[in-house]
Amino acid sequence: MAKRDYYEVMGLSKGASADEIKKAYRTKVKELHPDRNSDNPNAEAQFKEVGEAYDVLKDADKKAAYDRYGHAAFEGGMGGGGRGPGGMGGGDFGSAFSDIFDDLFGNMGGARGGGQNRAQRGNDLRYNLRVTLEEAFAGLQKTITVPTSVGCGSCNGTGAEGGSEPQTCPTCSGMGKVRAQQGFFTVERTCPTCNGMGQTIKDPCQTCHGAGRVEKEKSLSVNIPAGVETGTRIRLAGEGEAGMRGGPTGDLYIFIEVREHDLFEREGNHLFCRVPVSMATAAMGGDIEVPTIDGGRSRVKIPAGSQSGRQMRLRAKGMPALRGGGPGDMFIEMAVETPVNLTSRQKELLREFEELSAENNPQSSSFFNSVKSFWESMKG
């Protein structure tokens, strides 16, 4: 059976560019993959046909020969192997697919041919820092100690003893990956000789044992801005772990946790303070003194007849805004306090007061009227 024209196989015109050829191959590979065409008995043959066509058209010299002589360029000595493109009869499909794999995935971080320095970036670190609400209000400069990895001073981070240089891995030629052909596909795995580094060290540094870094605690001064809250993240670039064999350093992320306060509760930039008020003050009104988060004091006027739960606002007495804007407010919530451990005289006065104030409790009157109506409706 005569072979189809390679351009026809790829769905291209004869003057197609290299980019058009590569794009067409990607489309055809997805379309004709046998795993996606289990109901098409010809899918595998068409899949191979596309690989053979691409192996020729992707190569400038093979493409030129094919454009001039057609399939005859690869038969009977007109261009090589005598058994089809690449001398394999069915095309070097693994090579063709490998090129697309490299293009899609960046050659897995390495370049064909090896010799690249495959130093690895250090890990990012996390540090949990607890601060008080007062510290979150004012901001502070704090020194922290972080266990981390730093570049080895003995080998200047190379991992090699005595100033020697790491050598290109002979197994993967510096790629850090090795390839194995499995059917139609080329599979890449981490090189077992260099563990993906692309380099081997003949004489490892005795201090860091070839890693290029050593464990060490590091003290850092951290600026905590005013207004931070639980969950705030501060990034210190380049303060994480040192990279392997001279690789770039990672970053340090500081996560803030603000401790609970004995007096204040925080919601965003607002503060809430629950203040006990005596029955007499709540009934007759008066002034009370309340604390503020900056350590100061504010006088608050209690209106006569105030009930538990009533709130009063102190403007701009809350927390500062972390990213601009004005400060929040402080809310005073009243908690009317019932006296305990009364003396006989106090009890006597309260009974007298209750008899005289039956009409001065509007909530009680409204409640008991509702209860009376409820009971009557139930009887009916």
Protein backbone atom coordinates (compact mmCIF):
# COMPACT_ATOMS: atom_id res chain seq x y z
CA MET A 1 0.00 0.00 0.00
CA ALA A 2 1.44 3.39 -1.04
CA LYS A 3 2.36 5.79 1.71
CA ARG A 4 0.27 8.90 2.07
CA ASP A 5 1.88 12.28 1.58
CA TYR A 6 3.35 13.47 4.89
CA TYR A 7 1.77 16.91 4.52
CA GLU A 8 -1.59 15.27 3.93
CA VAL A 9 -1.07 13.11 7.03
CA MET A 10 -0.42 16.21 9.11
CA GLY A 11 -3.19 18.25 7.48
CA LEU A 12 -0.70 20.87 6.20
CA SER A 13 0.23 22.58 2.96
CA LYS A 14 3.70 22.03 1.51
CA GLY A 15 5.01 25.44 2.54
CA ALA A 16 4.15 25.01 6.23
CA SER A 17 6.53 26.60 8.74
CA ALA A 18 8.25 24.80 11.61
CA ASP A 19 5.80 26.27 14.11
CA GLU A 20 2.82 25.17 12.02
CA ILE A 21 4.27 21.65 11.78
CA LYS A 22 4.76 21.43 15.53
CA LYS A 23 1.28 22.78 16.24
CA ALA A 24 -0.28 20.30 13.81
CA TYR A 25 1.59 17.43 15.44
CA ARG A 26 0.33 18.35 18.88
CA THR A 27 -3.24 18.39 17.59
CA LYS A 28 -2.90 15.06 15.79
CA VAL A 29 -1.28 13.33 18.79
CA LYS A 30 -4.21 14.33 21.02
CA GLU A 31 -6.76 13.40 18.36
CA LEU A 32 -5.37 9.97 17.41
CA HIS A 33 -3.95 8.68 20.68
CA PRO A 34 -4.98 4.98 20.96
CA ASP A 35 -6.14 5.41 24.55
CA ARG A 36 -8.75 7.91 23.36
CA ASN A 37 -9.81 5.87 20.32
CA SER A 38 -10.52 2.41 21.67
CA ASP A 39 -13.39 2.07 19.19
CA ASN A 40 -11.17 2.87 16.19
CA PRO A 41 -9.09 -0.14 15.07
CA ASN A 42 -7.00 2.11 12.77
CA ALA A 43 -6.07 4.63 15.46
CA GLU A 44 -2.74 2.99 16.36
CA ALA A 45 -1.61 2.83 12.72
CA GLN A 46 -2.63 6.45 12.14
CA PHE A 47 -0.85 7.43 15.34
CA LYS A 48 2.38 5.85 14.06
CA GLU A 49 1.88 7.45 10.66
CA VAL A 50 1.70 10.92 12.25
CA GLY A 51 4.90 10.21 14.24
CA GLU A 52 6.72 9.15 11.08
CA ALA A 53 5.56 12.24 9.20
CA TYR A 54 6.57 14.59 11.99
CA ASP A 55 10.02 12.98 12.32
CA VAL A 56 10.73 13.99 8.73
CA LEU A 57 9.06 17.40 8.57
CA LYS A 58 10.53 18.69 11.85
CA ASP A 59 14.07 18.21 10.54
CA ALA A 60 15.09 20.93 8.07
CA ASP A 61 17.42 18.64 6.04
CA LYS A 62 14.95 15.74 5.88
CA LYS A 63 12.14 18.13 5.01
CA ALA A 64 14.16 19.64 2.15
CA ALA A 65 14.92 16.18 0.77
CA TYR A 66 11.29 15.14 1.10
CA ASP A 67 10.05 18.31 -0.59
CA ARG A 68 12.33 17.53 -3.55
CA TYR A 69 12.11 13.75 -3.89
CA GLY A 70 9.10 12.73 -1.81
CA HIS A 71 9.20 9.30 -0.15
CA ALA A 72 11.96 8.27 -2.58
CA ALA A 73 14.34 10.47 -0.62
CA PHE A 74 14.50 7.78 2.04
CA GLU A 75 14.45 4.70 -0.14
CA GLY A 76 17.23 3.10 -2.17
CA GLY A 77 20.04 5.40 -1.06
CA MET A 78 18.51 8.78 -1.85
CA GLY A 79 18.81 10.03 1.70
CA GLY A 80 19.87 7.51 4.17
CA GLY A 81 18.75 4.51 6.08
CA GLY A 82 16.97 2.45 3.42
CA ARG A 83 14.11 1.59 5.83
CA GLY A 84 12.29 4.84 6.10
CA PRO A 85 13.10 8.08 7.92
CA GLY A 86 15.89 7.71 10.43
CA GLY A 87 16.62 4.16 9.23
CA MET A 88 13.86 2.69 11.41
CA GLY A 89 11.23 1.79 8.84
CA GLY A 90 8.46 3.34 10.92
CA GLY A 91 10.14 6.61 11.80
CA ASP A 92 11.94 7.56 14.98
CA PHE A 93 8.64 8.16 16.70
CA GLY A 94 10.16 8.20 20.19
CA SER A 95 12.49 11.02 19.16
CA ALA A 96 9.64 12.96 17.60
CA PHE A 97 7.44 12.66 20.68
CA SER A 98 10.40 13.52 22.92
CA ASP A 99 10.86 16.83 21.10
CA ILE A 100 7.25 17.76 21.71
CA PHE A 101 7.58 16.64 25.35
CA ASP A 102 10.57 18.97 25.73
CA ASP A 103 8.69 21.83 24.17
CA LEU A 104 5.61 21.40 26.37
CA PHE A 105 7.40 20.82 29.68
CA GLY A 106 10.57 22.82 29.30
CA ASN A 107 12.77 19.74 29.10
CA MET A 108 12.10 19.18 32.82
CA GLY A 109 14.42 21.98 33.87
CA GLY A 110 17.50 20.93 31.89
CA ALA A 111 18.94 21.34 28.42
CA ARG A 112 19.75 18.56 26.00
CA GLY A 113 23.47 18.02 25.99
CA GLY A 114 24.04 18.56 29.71
CA GLY A 115 26.68 20.53 31.49
CA GLN A 116 24.13 22.82 33.19
CA ASN A 117 24.54 23.91 36.79
CA ARG A 118 21.55 22.31 38.50
CA ALA A 119 21.82 24.06 41.86
CA GLN A 120 18.48 23.97 43.67
CA ARG A 121 16.65 26.83 45.33
CA GLY A 122 16.36 26.59 49.11
CA ASN A 123 13.04 25.91 50.80
CA ASP A 124 10.81 28.69 52.09
CA LEU A 125 10.43 28.73 55.87
CA ARG A 126 7.48 29.54 58.12
CA TYR A 127 7.77 31.17 61.55
CA ASN A 128 4.73 31.58 63.84
CA LEU A 129 4.97 34.75 65.95
CA ARG A 130 2.57 35.55 68.81
CA VAL A 131 2.11 39.18 69.83
CA THR A 132 -0.11 40.94 72.36
CA LEU A 133 -3.00 43.17 71.35
CA GLU A 134 -1.05 46.16 72.67
CA GLU A 135 1.89 45.22 70.42
CA ALA A 136 -0.45 44.81 67.46
CA PHE A 137 -1.85 48.27 68.20
CA ALA A 138 1.49 50.05 68.44
CA GLY A 139 3.69 47.91 66.16
CA LEU A 140 7.14 46.81 67.25
CA GLN A 141 10.62 45.73 66.24
CA LYS A 142 11.23 42.15 67.36
CA THR A 143 14.27 39.88 67.18
CA ILE A 144 13.53 36.25 66.36
CA THR A 145 15.75 33.17 66.15
CA VAL A 146 15.11 30.87 63.20
CA PRO A 147 16.63 27.39 62.73
CA THR A 148 17.64 27.25 59.07
CA SER A 149 20.30 26.22 56.57
CA VAL A 150 23.04 28.60 55.45
CA GLY A 151 25.68 28.32 52.76
CA CYS A 152 28.69 26.25 53.79
CA GLY A 153 31.71 28.47 54.40
CA SER A 154 34.23 25.68 53.94
CA CYS A 155 33.35 25.03 50.28
CA ASN A 156 31.61 28.33 49.47
CA GLY A 157 28.41 26.42 48.82
CA THR A 158 29.77 24.16 46.05
CA GLY A 159 29.71 20.98 48.14
CA ALA A 160 33.19 20.02 46.91
CA GLU A 161 36.29 19.75 49.12
CA GLY A 162 39.41 21.86 48.61
CA GLY A 163 38.11 24.19 45.95
CA SER A 164 37.44 21.43 43.42
CA GLU A 165 34.47 21.78 41.11
CA PRO A 166 31.49 19.43 40.74
CA GLN A 167 31.60 17.31 37.59
CA THR A 168 28.88 16.83 35.00
CA CYS A 169 27.00 13.63 35.77
CA PRO A 170 28.13 10.92 33.30
CA THR A 171 24.78 9.14 33.44
CA CYS A 172 22.46 12.01 32.45
CA SER A 173 25.04 14.38 30.89
CA GLY A 174 23.96 17.14 33.25
CA MET A 175 20.23 16.96 32.52
CA GLY A 176 19.29 15.49 35.91
CA LYS A 177 16.90 13.18 34.05
CA VAL A 178 17.30 9.93 32.18
CA ARG A 179 15.04 8.77 29.38
CA ALA A 180 13.69 5.32 28.66
CA GLN A 181 11.68 4.20 25.66
CA GLN A 182 8.38 2.49 26.55
CA GLY A 183 6.41 1.59 23.46
CA PHE A 184 5.49 4.78 21.66
CA PHE A 185 6.52 7.03 24.53
CA THR A 186 9.74 8.37 25.97
CA VAL A 187 9.56 8.45 29.78
CA GLU A 188 11.81 10.69 31.85
CA ARG A 189 12.90 9.87 35.39
CA THR A 190 15.18 11.48 37.94
CA CYS A 191 18.77 10.41 37.35
CA PRO A 192 19.72 7.81 40.00
CA THR A 193 23.39 8.79 39.92
CA CYS A 194 23.08 12.50 40.76
CA ASN A 195 19.53 12.52 42.18
CA GLY A 196 18.46 15.15 39.67
CA MET A 197 21.32 17.58 40.37
CA GLY A 198 23.03 17.08 37.00
CA GLN A 199 26.41 17.03 38.72
CA THR A 200 28.42 14.66 40.87
CA ILE A 201 31.06 15.45 43.45
CA LYS A 202 34.12 13.26 43.50
CA ASP A 203 35.46 14.64 46.79
CA PRO A 204 32.58 15.96 48.97
CA CYS A 205 33.18 18.74 51.48
CA GLN A 206 33.78 17.28 54.95
CA THR A 207 31.76 20.05 56.62
CA CYS A 208 28.52 19.88 54.63
CA HIS A 209 29.00 16.37 53.13
CA GLY A 210 28.40 17.66 49.61
CA ALA A 211 25.16 19.55 50.29
CA GLY A 212 26.74 23.00 50.04
CA ARG A 213 24.88 24.14 53.17
CA VAL A 214 24.87 23.53 56.93
CA GLU A 215 22.24 23.75 59.68
CA LYS A 216 22.43 26.89 61.79
CA GLU A 217 20.25 29.20 63.89
CA LYS A 218 19.92 32.73 62.57
CA SER A 219 18.78 35.85 64.47
CA LEU A 220 16.67 38.32 62.53
CA SER A 221 15.17 41.69 63.38
CA VAL A 222 11.55 41.85 62.20
CA ASN A 223 9.44 44.98 61.84
CA ILE A 224 5.84 44.26 62.91
CA PRO A 225 3.64 47.08 61.56
CA ALA A 226 0.81 48.56 63.63
CA GLY A 227 -2.58 47.02 62.91
CA VAL A 228 -1.54 43.40 62.28
CA GLU A 229 -4.09 40.72 63.13
CA THR A 230 -4.16 36.96 63.36
CA GLY A 231 -3.33 35.55 59.93
CA THR A 232 -1.23 38.50 58.77
CA ARG A 233 1.76 37.21 56.75
CA ILE A 234 5.08 39.04 56.52
CA ARG A 235 7.60 37.96 53.85
CA LEU A 236 11.34 38.34 54.33
CA ALA A 237 12.91 37.72 50.93
CA GLY A 238 16.08 35.65 50.92
CA GLU A 239 15.90 34.71 54.62
CA GLY A 240 14.80 31.10 54.12
CA GLU A 241 16.99 28.03 53.62
CA ALA A 242 20.15 28.29 51.55
CA GLY A 243 19.98 26.50 48.22
CA MET A 244 21.71 23.21 47.49
CA ARG A 245 25.21 23.64 46.02
CA GLY A 246 25.09 27.40 45.72
CA GLY A 247 21.44 27.66 44.66
CA PRO A 248 19.36 30.75 45.51
CA THR A 249 18.03 31.16 49.04
CA GLY A 250 14.35 30.68 49.85
CA ASP A 251 12.14 33.17 51.67
CA LEU A 252 10.95 33.38 55.27
CA TYR A 253 7.24 33.87 55.95
CA ILE A 254 6.21 35.13 59.39
CA PHE A 255 2.61 34.35 60.36
CA ILE A 256 1.16 36.57 63.07
CA GLU A 257 -1.12 35.38 65.88
CA VAL A 258 -2.58 38.05 68.19
CA ARG A 259 -3.27 36.79 71.70
CA GLU A 260 -6.67 37.19 73.34
CA HIS A 261 -6.97 40.18 75.70
CA ASP A 262 -8.46 40.26 79.18
CA LEU A 263 -10.41 43.50 78.56
CA PHE A 264 -10.88 43.96 74.83
CA GLU A 265 -12.34 41.86 72.05
CA ARG A 266 -11.37 42.66 68.50
CA GLU A 267 -13.47 42.54 65.33
CA GLY A 268 -11.48 43.86 62.39
CA ASN A 269 -10.31 47.33 63.42
CA HIS A 270 -13.02 47.77 66.08
CA LEU A 271 -12.63 46.99 69.79
CA PHE A 272 -15.34 45.98 72.26
CA CYS A 273 -15.15 46.38 76.02
CA ARG A 274 -17.84 45.06 78.38
CA VAL A 275 -18.14 47.33 81.43
CA PRO A 276 -20.14 46.47 84.61
CA VAL A 277 -22.47 49.29 85.76
CA SER A 278 -24.32 49.39 89.08
CA MET A 279 -28.11 49.33 89.17
CA ALA A 280 -28.20 52.78 90.65
CA THR A 281 -25.95 54.30 87.96
CA ALA A 282 -27.88 52.55 85.19
CA ALA A 283 -31.18 53.82 86.62
CA MET A 284 -30.18 57.41 87.46
CA GLY A 285 -27.37 57.92 84.94
CA GLY A 286 -23.83 59.06 85.64
CA ASP A 287 -20.24 58.99 84.42
CA ILE A 288 -17.87 56.03 84.32
CA GLU A 289 -14.19 55.78 83.41
CA VAL A 290 -13.09 53.14 80.86
CA PRO A 291 -9.60 52.04 79.66
CA THR A 292 -8.39 52.44 76.07
CA ILE A 293 -5.95 50.21 74.19
CA ASP A 294 -3.25 52.90 74.12
CA GLY A 295 -3.12 52.79 77.95
CA GLY A 296 -5.22 55.91 78.43
CA ARG A 297 -8.63 56.55 79.99
CA SER A 298 -11.89 57.93 78.66
CA ARG A 299 -14.98 59.17 80.54
CA VAL A 300 -18.30 57.87 79.28
CA LYS A 301 -21.69 59.33 80.20
CA ILE A 302 -24.33 56.73 81.10
CA PRO A 303 -27.85 57.88 80.20
CA ALA A 304 -30.51 57.40 82.88
CA GLY A 305 -32.54 54.22 82.45
CA SER A 306 -29.83 52.33 80.53
CA GLN A 307 -30.27 48.58 80.16
CA SER A 308 -27.74 45.73 79.92
CA GLY A 309 -26.34 45.34 76.41
CA ARG A 310 -26.54 49.01 75.50
CA GLN A 311 -23.52 50.12 73.51
CA MET A 312 -21.78 53.48 73.31
CA ARG A 313 -19.20 54.37 70.70
CA LEU A 314 -15.82 56.01 71.25
CA ARG A 315 -14.74 57.12 67.80
CA ALA A 316 -11.17 56.41 66.57
CA LYS A 317 -10.31 54.54 69.78
CA GLY A 318 -9.98 51.16 68.05
CA MET A 319 -7.12 49.52 66.14
CA PRO A 320 -5.13 51.26 63.39
CA ALA A 321 -5.68 50.13 59.81
CA LEU A 322 -2.84 47.95 58.50
CA ARG A 323 -3.05 49.18 54.89
CA GLY A 324 -4.08 52.79 55.25
CA GLY A 325 -7.33 54.42 56.28
CA GLY A 326 -8.45 55.70 59.65
CA PRO A 327 -8.49 53.73 62.91
CA GLY A 328 -11.49 51.75 64.07
CA ASP A 329 -13.82 52.61 66.94
CA MET A 330 -14.19 51.32 70.47
CA PHE A 331 -17.60 50.16 71.69
CA ILE A 332 -18.52 50.16 75.37
CA GLU A 333 -21.17 47.54 76.20
CA MET A 334 -22.99 47.99 79.48
CA ALA A 335 -23.55 45.06 81.85
CA VAL A 336 -25.96 46.17 84.62
CA GLU A 337 -24.81 44.36 87.74
CA THR A 338 -27.17 42.91 90.35
CA PRO A 339 -25.80 43.32 93.89
CA VAL A 340 -25.14 40.22 96.01
CA ASN A 341 -24.70 39.49 99.75
CA LEU A 342 -27.26 42.13 100.76
CA THR A 343 -27.72 43.18 104.37
CA SER A 344 -31.15 43.16 106.02
CA ARG A 345 -31.42 46.93 105.66
CA GLN A 346 -30.54 46.75 101.93
CA LYS A 347 -33.14 44.07 101.36
CA GLU A 348 -35.73 46.16 103.19
CA LEU A 349 -34.94 49.19 101.04
CA LEU A 350 -35.10 47.14 97.82
CA ARG A 351 -38.54 45.75 98.75
CA GLU A 352 -39.76 49.26 99.42
CA PHE A 353 -38.22 50.43 96.15
CA GLU A 354 -39.90 47.59 94.23
CA GLU A 355 -43.31 48.49 95.64
CA LEU A 356 -42.88 52.09 94.62
CA SER A 357 -41.49 51.36 91.14
CA ALA A 358 -43.96 48.88 89.73
CA GLU A 359 -44.91 51.33 86.98
CA ASN A 360 -41.30 52.26 86.18
CA ASN A 361 -40.36 48.95 84.56
CA PRO A 362 -41.74 49.16 81.00
CA GLN A 363 -40.15 45.92 79.81
CA SER A 364 -41.60 43.95 82.71
CA SER A 365 -45.08 45.38 82.15
CA SER A 366 -44.97 44.59 78.45
CA PHE A 367 -43.69 41.06 79.05
CA PHE A 368 -46.25 40.10 81.67
CA ASN A 369 -49.09 41.55 79.60
CA SER A 370 -47.96 39.30 76.73
CA VAL A 371 -47.82 36.30 79.08
CA LYS A 372 -51.33 37.02 80.32
CA SER A 373 -52.67 37.18 76.76
CA PHE A 374 -50.88 33.92 75.90
CA TRP A 375 -52.43 32.04 78.81
CA GLU A 376 -55.90 33.36 78.01
CA SER A 377 -55.60 32.29 74.38
CA MET A 378 -54.56 28.80 75.50
CA LYS A 379 -57.63 28.47 77.73
CA GLY A 380 -59.89 29.54 74.89
